[in-house]
Amino acid sequence: MTFHTYILRSTTTSRFYVGHTGNLQKRLFEHNNNRTRSTQNRGPWKLFHSEEYATKVQASRREREIKRMKSRKWIEDLARASR
């Protein structure tokens, strides 16, 4: 099983959300259908960036690393560099 660290972007507010999951499609569905309290009524959400990891621990660490940056520009540069 693979795990993903992902960044979503709200199409209405342009805000970012960073998380990790074992099922990216299911998680995106949950965000877009108000099943996640922290993103309720702030969508719709589009996948902005994702990274794949072999373990949940690795994905979780990367999520925390991205959140520590607290920078819109850094997140946008990260996504641009991976394209």
N, C-alpha and C. Protein backbone atom coordinates (compact mmCIF):
# COMPACT_ATOMS: atom_id res chain seq x y z
N MET A 1 0.84 -1.17 0.00
CA MET A 1 0.00 0.00 0.00
C MET A 1 0.89 1.24 0.00
N THR A 2 0.48 2.23 -0.75
CA THR A 2 1.21 3.50 -0.77
C THR A 2 0.40 4.56 -0.04
N PHE A 3 1.11 5.58 0.40
CA PHE A 3 0.49 6.70 1.11
C PHE A 3 0.85 7.98 0.38
N HIS A 4 -0.01 8.97 0.52
CA HIS A 4 0.20 10.24 -0.16
C HIS A 4 0.17 11.39 0.84
N THR A 5 1.06 12.33 0.61
CA THR A 5 0.96 13.65 1.22
C THR A 5 0.38 14.51 0.12
N TYR A 6 -0.65 15.29 0.44
CA TYR A 6 -1.33 16.03 -0.61
C TYR A 6 -1.61 17.47 -0.19
N ILE A 7 -1.74 18.32 -1.19
CA ILE A 7 -2.12 19.70 -0.98
C ILE A 7 -3.34 19.96 -1.85
N LEU A 8 -4.40 20.44 -1.23
CA LEU A 8 -5.61 20.81 -1.94
C LEU A 8 -5.68 22.33 -2.00
N ARG A 9 -6.35 22.82 -3.03
CA ARG A 9 -6.58 24.26 -3.15
C ARG A 9 -8.06 24.49 -3.37
N SER A 10 -8.63 25.38 -2.60
CA SER A 10 -10.04 25.71 -2.73
C SER A 10 -10.23 26.57 -3.97
N THR A 11 -11.18 26.21 -4.82
CA THR A 11 -11.43 27.00 -6.02
C THR A 11 -12.20 28.27 -5.72
N THR A 12 -12.80 28.37 -4.54
CA THR A 12 -13.54 29.58 -4.19
C THR A 12 -12.71 30.56 -3.37
N THR A 13 -11.85 30.07 -2.49
CA THR A 13 -11.09 30.96 -1.61
C THR A 13 -9.59 30.98 -1.92
N SER A 14 -9.12 30.06 -2.75
CA SER A 14 -7.70 29.90 -3.09
C SER A 14 -6.84 29.50 -1.89
N ARG A 15 -7.45 29.06 -0.82
CA ARG A 15 -6.71 28.60 0.36
C ARG A 15 -6.20 27.19 0.12
N PHE A 16 -5.14 26.83 0.85
CA PHE A 16 -4.56 25.51 0.75
C PHE A 16 -4.92 24.66 1.97
N TYR A 17 -4.94 23.36 1.75
CA TYR A 17 -5.11 22.39 2.83
C TYR A 17 -4.07 21.30 2.60
N VAL A 18 -3.33 20.92 3.64
CA VAL A 18 -2.29 19.90 3.54
C VAL A 18 -2.68 18.72 4.41
N GLY A 19 -2.56 17.51 3.86
CA GLY A 19 -2.88 16.31 4.62
C GLY A 19 -2.14 15.10 4.09
N HIS A 20 -2.42 13.94 4.68
CA HIS A 20 -1.86 12.68 4.17
C HIS A 20 -2.93 11.60 4.28
N THR A 21 -2.82 10.60 3.41
CA THR A 21 -3.85 9.57 3.34
C THR A 21 -3.32 8.32 2.65
N GLY A 22 -4.04 7.24 2.83
CA GLY A 22 -3.75 5.99 2.12
C GLY A 22 -4.61 5.83 0.89
N ASN A 23 -5.64 6.67 0.74
CA ASN A 23 -6.55 6.59 -0.41
C ASN A 23 -6.88 8.01 -0.86
N LEU A 24 -6.12 8.50 -1.82
CA LEU A 24 -6.22 9.89 -2.24
C LEU A 24 -7.57 10.23 -2.85
N GLN A 25 -8.11 9.37 -3.70
CA GLN A 25 -9.39 9.66 -4.34
C GLN A 25 -10.52 9.74 -3.32
N LYS A 26 -10.53 8.80 -2.37
CA LYS A 26 -11.55 8.79 -1.33
C LYS A 26 -11.45 10.05 -0.47
N ARG A 27 -10.23 10.43 -0.14
CA ARG A 27 -10.03 11.60 0.71
C ARG A 27 -10.48 12.88 0.02
N LEU A 28 -10.20 13.01 -1.26
CA LEU A 28 -10.65 14.17 -2.03
C LEU A 28 -12.18 14.22 -2.06
N PHE A 29 -12.81 13.07 -2.24
CA PHE A 29 -14.26 12.99 -2.20
C PHE A 29 -14.80 13.48 -0.85
N GLU A 30 -14.16 13.04 0.23
CA GLU A 30 -14.60 13.45 1.57
C GLU A 30 -14.48 14.96 1.77
N HIS A 31 -13.39 15.54 1.29
CA HIS A 31 -13.22 16.99 1.41
C HIS A 31 -14.30 17.74 0.62
N ASN A 32 -14.59 17.26 -0.56
CA ASN A 32 -15.55 17.95 -1.43
C ASN A 32 -17.00 17.71 -1.04
N ASN A 33 -17.25 16.77 -0.17
CA ASN A 33 -18.62 16.49 0.24
C ASN A 33 -18.84 16.78 1.73
N ASN A 34 -18.07 17.74 2.23
CA ASN A 34 -18.21 18.25 3.60
C ASN A 34 -18.15 17.17 4.67
N ARG A 35 -17.33 16.17 4.47
CA ARG A 35 -17.16 15.10 5.45
C ARG A 35 -15.91 15.30 6.29
N THR A 36 -15.24 16.43 6.07
CA THR A 36 -14.05 16.77 6.83
C THR A 36 -14.30 18.12 7.48
N ARG A 37 -14.36 18.13 8.79
CA ARG A 37 -14.73 19.35 9.53
C ARG A 37 -13.85 20.55 9.17
N SER A 38 -12.56 20.35 9.05
CA SER A 38 -11.65 21.47 8.83
C SER A 38 -11.79 22.11 7.45
N THR A 39 -12.43 21.42 6.51
CA THR A 39 -12.59 22.00 5.17
C THR A 39 -14.05 22.19 4.78
N GLN A 40 -14.96 21.98 5.70
CA GLN A 40 -16.38 22.10 5.40
C GLN A 40 -16.71 23.50 4.88
N ASN A 41 -17.55 23.53 3.85
CA ASN A 41 -18.06 24.77 3.27
C ASN A 41 -16.98 25.73 2.80
N ARG A 42 -15.84 25.21 2.44
CA ARG A 42 -14.75 26.03 1.91
C ARG A 42 -14.34 25.60 0.52
N GLY A 43 -14.98 24.59 -0.02
CA GLY A 43 -14.64 24.03 -1.32
C GLY A 43 -15.42 24.69 -2.43
N PRO A 44 -15.39 24.11 -3.58
CA PRO A 44 -14.81 22.80 -3.90
C PRO A 44 -13.28 22.84 -3.90
N TRP A 45 -12.73 21.66 -3.65
CA TRP A 45 -11.28 21.49 -3.54
C TRP A 45 -10.75 20.77 -4.76
N LYS A 46 -9.61 21.20 -5.23
CA LYS A 46 -8.90 20.55 -6.35
C LYS A 46 -7.54 20.10 -5.83
N LEU A 47 -7.11 18.95 -6.33
CA LEU A 47 -5.78 18.46 -5.97
C LEU A 47 -4.74 19.39 -6.60
N PHE A 48 -3.91 19.99 -5.77
CA PHE A 48 -2.90 20.95 -6.23
C PHE A 48 -1.54 20.28 -6.38
N HIS A 49 -1.25 19.35 -5.46
CA HIS A 49 0.05 18.67 -5.46
C HIS A 49 -0.05 17.40 -4.62
N SER A 50 0.65 16.36 -5.01
CA SER A 50 0.71 15.16 -4.17
C SER A 50 2.06 14.48 -4.33
N GLU A 51 2.44 13.78 -3.27
CA GLU A 51 3.69 13.02 -3.26
C GLU A 51 3.38 11.64 -2.71
N GLU A 52 4.01 10.63 -3.26
CA GLU A 52 3.75 9.24 -2.86
C GLU A 52 4.88 8.72 -1.97
N TYR A 53 4.48 7.97 -0.92
CA TYR A 53 5.44 7.41 0.02
C TYR A 53 5.11 5.95 0.31
N ALA A 54 6.11 5.20 0.71
CA ALA A 54 5.93 3.78 0.99
C ALA A 54 5.27 3.52 2.34
N THR A 55 5.44 4.45 3.28
CA THR A 55 4.87 4.23 4.61
C THR A 55 4.06 5.45 5.07
N LYS A 56 3.15 5.19 5.99
CA LYS A 56 2.33 6.25 6.56
C LYS A 56 3.20 7.24 7.34
N VAL A 57 4.22 6.73 8.01
CA VAL A 57 5.12 7.58 8.79
C VAL A 57 5.81 8.60 7.89
N GLN A 58 6.29 8.16 6.73
CA GLN A 58 6.95 9.07 5.80
C GLN A 58 5.99 10.15 5.31
N ALA A 59 4.78 9.75 4.97
CA ALA A 59 3.78 10.70 4.48
C ALA A 59 3.42 11.71 5.56
N SER A 60 3.27 11.24 6.79
CA SER A 60 2.95 12.12 7.91
C SER A 60 4.07 13.11 8.19
N ARG A 61 5.30 12.65 8.12
CA ARG A 61 6.45 13.54 8.33
C ARG A 61 6.50 14.63 7.28
N ARG A 62 6.24 14.25 6.05
CA ARG A 62 6.26 15.24 4.96
C ARG A 62 5.13 16.26 5.14
N GLU A 63 3.97 15.80 5.57
CA GLU A 63 2.85 16.72 5.84
C GLU A 63 3.28 17.76 6.88
N ARG A 64 3.88 17.31 7.97
CA ARG A 64 4.32 18.24 9.02
C ARG A 64 5.39 19.21 8.50
N GLU A 65 6.28 18.70 7.65
CA GLU A 65 7.33 19.55 7.09
C GLU A 65 6.71 20.67 6.25
N ILE A 66 5.75 20.33 5.42
CA ILE A 66 5.08 21.33 4.58
C ILE A 66 4.33 22.33 5.45
N LYS A 67 3.61 21.85 6.45
CA LYS A 67 2.85 22.75 7.32
C LYS A 67 3.76 23.70 8.09
N ARG A 68 4.95 23.24 8.45
CA ARG A 68 5.89 24.11 9.17
C ARG A 68 6.36 25.28 8.33
N MET A 69 6.35 25.14 7.02
CA MET A 69 6.81 26.21 6.15
C MET A 69 5.88 27.43 6.20
N LYS A 70 4.58 27.19 6.37
CA LYS A 70 3.58 28.27 6.49
C LYS A 70 3.77 29.36 5.44
N SER A 71 3.98 28.95 4.21
CA SER A 71 4.24 29.92 3.16
C SER A 71 3.51 29.54 1.88
N ARG A 72 2.62 30.41 1.44
CA ARG A 72 1.92 30.20 0.17
C ARG A 72 2.91 30.11 -0.98
N LYS A 73 3.89 31.01 -1.01
CA LYS A 73 4.88 31.02 -2.09
C LYS A 73 5.66 29.70 -2.10
N TRP A 74 6.06 29.20 -0.93
CA TRP A 74 6.81 27.95 -0.85
C TRP A 74 5.99 26.80 -1.41
N ILE A 75 4.70 26.74 -1.07
CA ILE A 75 3.83 25.69 -1.56
C ILE A 75 3.67 25.79 -3.08
N GLU A 76 3.47 27.00 -3.58
CA GLU A 76 3.33 27.18 -5.03
C GLU A 76 4.62 26.81 -5.75
N ASP A 77 5.77 27.18 -5.19
CA ASP A 77 7.06 26.80 -5.79
C ASP A 77 7.27 25.29 -5.76
N LEU A 78 6.86 24.64 -4.68
CA LEU A 78 6.96 23.17 -4.57
C LEU A 78 6.18 22.50 -5.70
N ALA A 79 4.96 22.93 -5.91
CA ALA A 79 4.12 22.34 -6.95
C ALA A 79 4.69 22.63 -8.34
N ARG A 80 5.19 23.82 -8.54
CA ARG A 80 5.76 24.21 -9.84
C ARG A 80 7.01 23.38 -10.14
N ALA A 81 7.84 23.14 -9.14
CA ALA A 81 9.09 22.40 -9.32
C ALA A 81 8.83 20.93 -9.66
N SER A 82 7.71 20.39 -9.20
CA SER A 82 7.44 18.97 -9.43
C SER A 82 6.76 18.71 -10.77
N ARG A 83 6.44 19.73 -11.49
CA ARG A 83 5.77 19.54 -12.79
C ARG A 83 6.73 19.35 -13.91
